[in-house]
């Protein structure tokens, strides 16, 4: 399990274990918080294509899907 601090999500780098559309490396480009510093929305961007999508940040905890950093 990846340890993730919601306050440090912005600009964090991630590697997809199984790339889709040749997109392997990603960066968190936007995070929206509520009044209690809980994450409401997270936007992840593929480094190579710049394609963005909303993303459930808790999915990053699964090491079978995501690795912290760019490997």
N, C-alpha and C. Protein backbone atom coordinates (compact mmCIF):
# COMPACT_ATOMS: atom_id res chain seq x y z
N UNK A 1 0.85 -1.18 0.00
CA UNK A 1 0.00 0.00 0.00
C UNK A 1 0.89 1.24 0.00
N UNK A 2 0.61 2.17 -0.93
CA UNK A 2 1.29 3.46 -0.97
C UNK A 2 0.75 4.35 0.13
N UNK A 3 1.63 5.02 0.86
CA UNK A 3 1.18 5.98 1.86
C UNK A 3 1.04 7.33 1.18
N UNK A 4 -0.13 7.93 1.30
CA UNK A 4 -0.41 9.18 0.63
C UNK A 4 -0.92 10.20 1.64
N UNK A 5 -0.30 11.36 1.64
CA UNK A 5 -0.77 12.48 2.44
C UNK A 5 -1.60 13.37 1.51
N UNK A 6 -2.90 13.52 1.76
CA UNK A 6 -3.75 14.32 0.87
C UNK A 6 -3.25 15.75 0.67
N UNK A 7 -2.56 16.30 1.67
CA UNK A 7 -2.05 17.67 1.57
C UNK A 7 -0.86 17.78 0.62
N UNK A 8 -0.23 16.65 0.30
CA UNK A 8 0.94 16.66 -0.58
C UNK A 8 0.66 16.04 -1.95
N UNK A 9 -0.62 15.91 -2.30
CA UNK A 9 -0.99 15.32 -3.59
C UNK A 9 -0.59 16.18 -4.78
N UNK A 10 -0.81 17.48 -4.69
CA UNK A 10 -0.56 18.37 -5.81
C UNK A 10 0.88 18.26 -6.29
N UNK A 11 1.05 18.07 -7.58
CA UNK A 11 2.36 17.93 -8.25
C UNK A 11 3.09 16.63 -7.92
N UNK A 12 2.42 15.69 -7.27
CA UNK A 12 3.07 14.40 -7.01
C UNK A 12 3.09 13.59 -8.31
N UNK A 13 4.10 12.74 -8.43
CA UNK A 13 4.33 11.97 -9.65
C UNK A 13 3.99 10.51 -9.41
N UNK A 14 3.40 9.87 -10.44
CA UNK A 14 2.95 8.48 -10.34
C UNK A 14 3.24 7.73 -11.62
N UNK A 15 3.47 6.42 -11.48
CA UNK A 15 3.69 5.54 -12.61
C UNK A 15 2.61 4.47 -12.62
N UNK A 16 1.96 4.31 -13.77
CA UNK A 16 0.96 3.26 -13.92
C UNK A 16 1.68 1.93 -14.11
N UNK A 17 1.29 0.90 -13.37
CA UNK A 17 1.91 -0.42 -13.49
C UNK A 17 1.60 -1.02 -14.86
N UNK A 18 0.36 -0.84 -15.32
CA UNK A 18 -0.05 -1.33 -16.64
C UNK A 18 -0.47 -0.13 -17.48
N UNK A 19 0.44 0.41 -18.29
CA UNK A 19 0.12 1.58 -19.10
C UNK A 19 -1.03 1.34 -20.07
N UNK A 20 -1.83 2.38 -20.29
CA UNK A 20 -2.93 2.35 -21.25
C UNK A 20 -2.65 3.46 -22.25
N UNK A 21 -2.80 3.17 -23.53
CA UNK A 21 -2.52 4.13 -24.60
C UNK A 21 -1.10 4.69 -24.51
N UNK A 22 -0.18 3.86 -24.12
CA UNK A 22 1.24 4.23 -23.96
C UNK A 22 1.46 5.33 -22.93
N UNK A 23 0.47 5.53 -22.05
CA UNK A 23 0.60 6.52 -20.98
C UNK A 23 1.00 5.79 -19.70
N UNK A 24 2.19 6.10 -19.25
CA UNK A 24 2.73 5.43 -18.08
C UNK A 24 2.99 6.39 -16.92
N UNK A 25 3.47 7.59 -17.24
CA UNK A 25 3.82 8.56 -16.21
C UNK A 25 2.77 9.65 -16.09
N UNK A 26 2.42 9.96 -14.85
CA UNK A 26 1.36 10.91 -14.57
C UNK A 26 1.77 11.87 -13.46
N UNK A 27 1.10 13.01 -13.44
CA UNK A 27 1.31 14.00 -12.39
C UNK A 27 -0.06 14.52 -11.95
N UNK A 28 -0.21 14.78 -10.66
CA UNK A 28 -1.44 15.35 -10.14
C UNK A 28 -1.36 16.87 -10.37
N UNK A 29 -2.26 17.41 -11.18
CA UNK A 29 -2.18 18.83 -11.56
C UNK A 29 -3.20 19.71 -10.84
N UNK A 30 -4.20 19.13 -10.22
CA UNK A 30 -5.19 19.93 -9.49
C UNK A 30 -5.81 19.09 -8.38
N UNK A 31 -5.99 19.71 -7.24
CA UNK A 31 -6.65 19.06 -6.11
C UNK A 31 -7.60 20.09 -5.49
N UNK A 32 -8.84 19.68 -5.29
CA UNK A 32 -9.83 20.55 -4.66
C UNK A 32 -10.16 19.98 -3.28
N UNK A 33 -10.09 20.83 -2.26
CA UNK A 33 -10.35 20.42 -0.89
C UNK A 33 -11.64 21.05 -0.39
N UNK A 34 -12.27 20.39 0.59
CA UNK A 34 -13.42 21.01 1.25
C UNK A 34 -12.90 21.80 2.46
N UNK A 35 -13.78 22.29 3.28
CA UNK A 35 -13.40 23.09 4.45
C UNK A 35 -12.61 22.33 5.50
N UNK A 36 -12.70 21.00 5.48
CA UNK A 36 -12.00 20.17 6.47
C UNK A 36 -10.71 19.59 5.93
N UNK A 37 -10.22 20.11 4.81
CA UNK A 37 -8.99 19.64 4.15
C UNK A 37 -9.12 18.21 3.62
N UNK A 38 -10.35 17.78 3.37
CA UNK A 38 -10.58 16.49 2.72
C UNK A 38 -10.62 16.71 1.21
N UNK A 39 -10.08 15.77 0.46
CA UNK A 39 -10.02 15.91 -0.99
C UNK A 39 -11.40 15.69 -1.59
N UNK A 40 -11.88 16.67 -2.37
CA UNK A 40 -13.14 16.55 -3.08
C UNK A 40 -12.92 16.03 -4.49
N UNK A 41 -11.92 16.58 -5.15
CA UNK A 41 -11.64 16.19 -6.52
C UNK A 41 -10.15 16.27 -6.78
N UNK A 42 -9.68 15.38 -7.64
CA UNK A 42 -8.28 15.31 -7.99
C UNK A 42 -8.19 15.14 -9.51
N UNK A 43 -7.28 15.88 -10.16
CA UNK A 43 -7.10 15.78 -11.61
C UNK A 43 -5.69 15.26 -11.88
N UNK A 44 -5.62 14.20 -12.66
CA UNK A 44 -4.35 13.58 -13.00
C UNK A 44 -4.09 13.81 -14.49
N UNK A 45 -2.82 14.05 -14.85
CA UNK A 45 -2.47 14.35 -16.23
C UNK A 45 -1.36 13.42 -16.71
N UNK A 46 -1.55 12.85 -17.89
CA UNK A 46 -0.51 12.02 -18.51
C UNK A 46 0.61 12.94 -18.99
N UNK A 47 1.84 12.61 -18.66
CA UNK A 47 2.97 13.47 -18.99
C UNK A 47 3.17 13.56 -20.50
N UNK A 48 3.06 12.46 -21.19
CA UNK A 48 3.38 12.44 -22.63
C UNK A 48 2.29 13.06 -23.49
N UNK A 49 1.02 12.84 -23.17
CA UNK A 49 -0.08 13.33 -24.01
C UNK A 49 -0.77 14.57 -23.44
N UNK A 50 -0.51 14.88 -22.19
CA UNK A 50 -1.15 16.01 -21.48
C UNK A 50 -2.65 15.81 -21.31
N UNK A 51 -3.12 14.58 -21.52
CA UNK A 51 -4.55 14.30 -21.33
C UNK A 51 -4.86 14.29 -19.84
N UNK A 52 -5.93 14.99 -19.45
CA UNK A 52 -6.32 15.09 -18.05
C UNK A 52 -7.64 14.38 -17.81
N UNK A 53 -7.79 13.92 -16.57
CA UNK A 53 -9.06 13.32 -16.17
C UNK A 53 -9.22 13.43 -14.67
N UNK A 54 -10.48 13.50 -14.23
CA UNK A 54 -10.76 13.46 -12.80
C UNK A 54 -10.41 12.08 -12.30
N UNK A 55 -10.03 12.01 -11.06
CA UNK A 55 -9.45 10.79 -10.56
C UNK A 55 -9.77 10.61 -9.09
N UNK A 56 -10.07 9.40 -8.68
CA UNK A 56 -10.29 9.08 -7.27
C UNK A 56 -8.91 8.87 -6.63
N UNK A 57 -8.45 9.82 -5.85
CA UNK A 57 -7.08 9.80 -5.33
C UNK A 57 -6.79 8.59 -4.46
N UNK A 58 -7.78 8.01 -3.85
CA UNK A 58 -7.54 6.83 -2.99
C UNK A 58 -7.11 5.60 -3.80
N UNK A 59 -7.38 5.62 -5.11
CA UNK A 59 -6.93 4.53 -5.98
C UNK A 59 -5.41 4.44 -6.03
N UNK A 60 -4.73 5.53 -5.71
CA UNK A 60 -3.26 5.55 -5.72
C UNK A 60 -2.67 4.65 -4.64
N UNK A 61 -3.48 4.25 -3.67
CA UNK A 61 -3.00 3.36 -2.60
C UNK A 61 -2.67 1.96 -3.09
N UNK A 62 -3.22 1.55 -4.22
CA UNK A 62 -3.06 0.19 -4.72
C UNK A 62 -1.75 0.06 -5.51
N UNK A 63 -0.75 -0.61 -4.91
CA UNK A 63 0.55 -0.78 -5.55
C UNK A 63 0.49 -1.69 -6.77
N UNK A 64 -0.58 -2.45 -6.92
CA UNK A 64 -0.71 -3.29 -8.11
C UNK A 64 -1.10 -2.45 -9.32
N UNK A 65 -1.54 -1.22 -9.09
CA UNK A 65 -1.98 -0.33 -10.15
C UNK A 65 -1.07 0.90 -10.30
N UNK A 66 -0.64 1.48 -9.18
CA UNK A 66 0.15 2.70 -9.17
C UNK A 66 1.41 2.57 -8.33
N UNK A 67 2.50 3.16 -8.83
CA UNK A 67 3.75 3.25 -8.08
C UNK A 67 4.07 4.72 -7.87
N UNK A 68 4.51 5.06 -6.68
CA UNK A 68 4.87 6.43 -6.38
C UNK A 68 6.14 6.83 -7.13
N UNK A 69 6.15 8.02 -7.71
CA UNK A 69 7.29 8.50 -8.45
C UNK A 69 7.26 7.99 -9.89
N UNK A 70 8.30 8.33 -10.65
CA UNK A 70 8.41 7.88 -12.03
C UNK A 70 9.48 6.82 -12.10
N UNK A 71 9.09 5.62 -12.48
CA UNK A 71 10.06 4.53 -12.56
C UNK A 71 10.21 4.05 -13.99
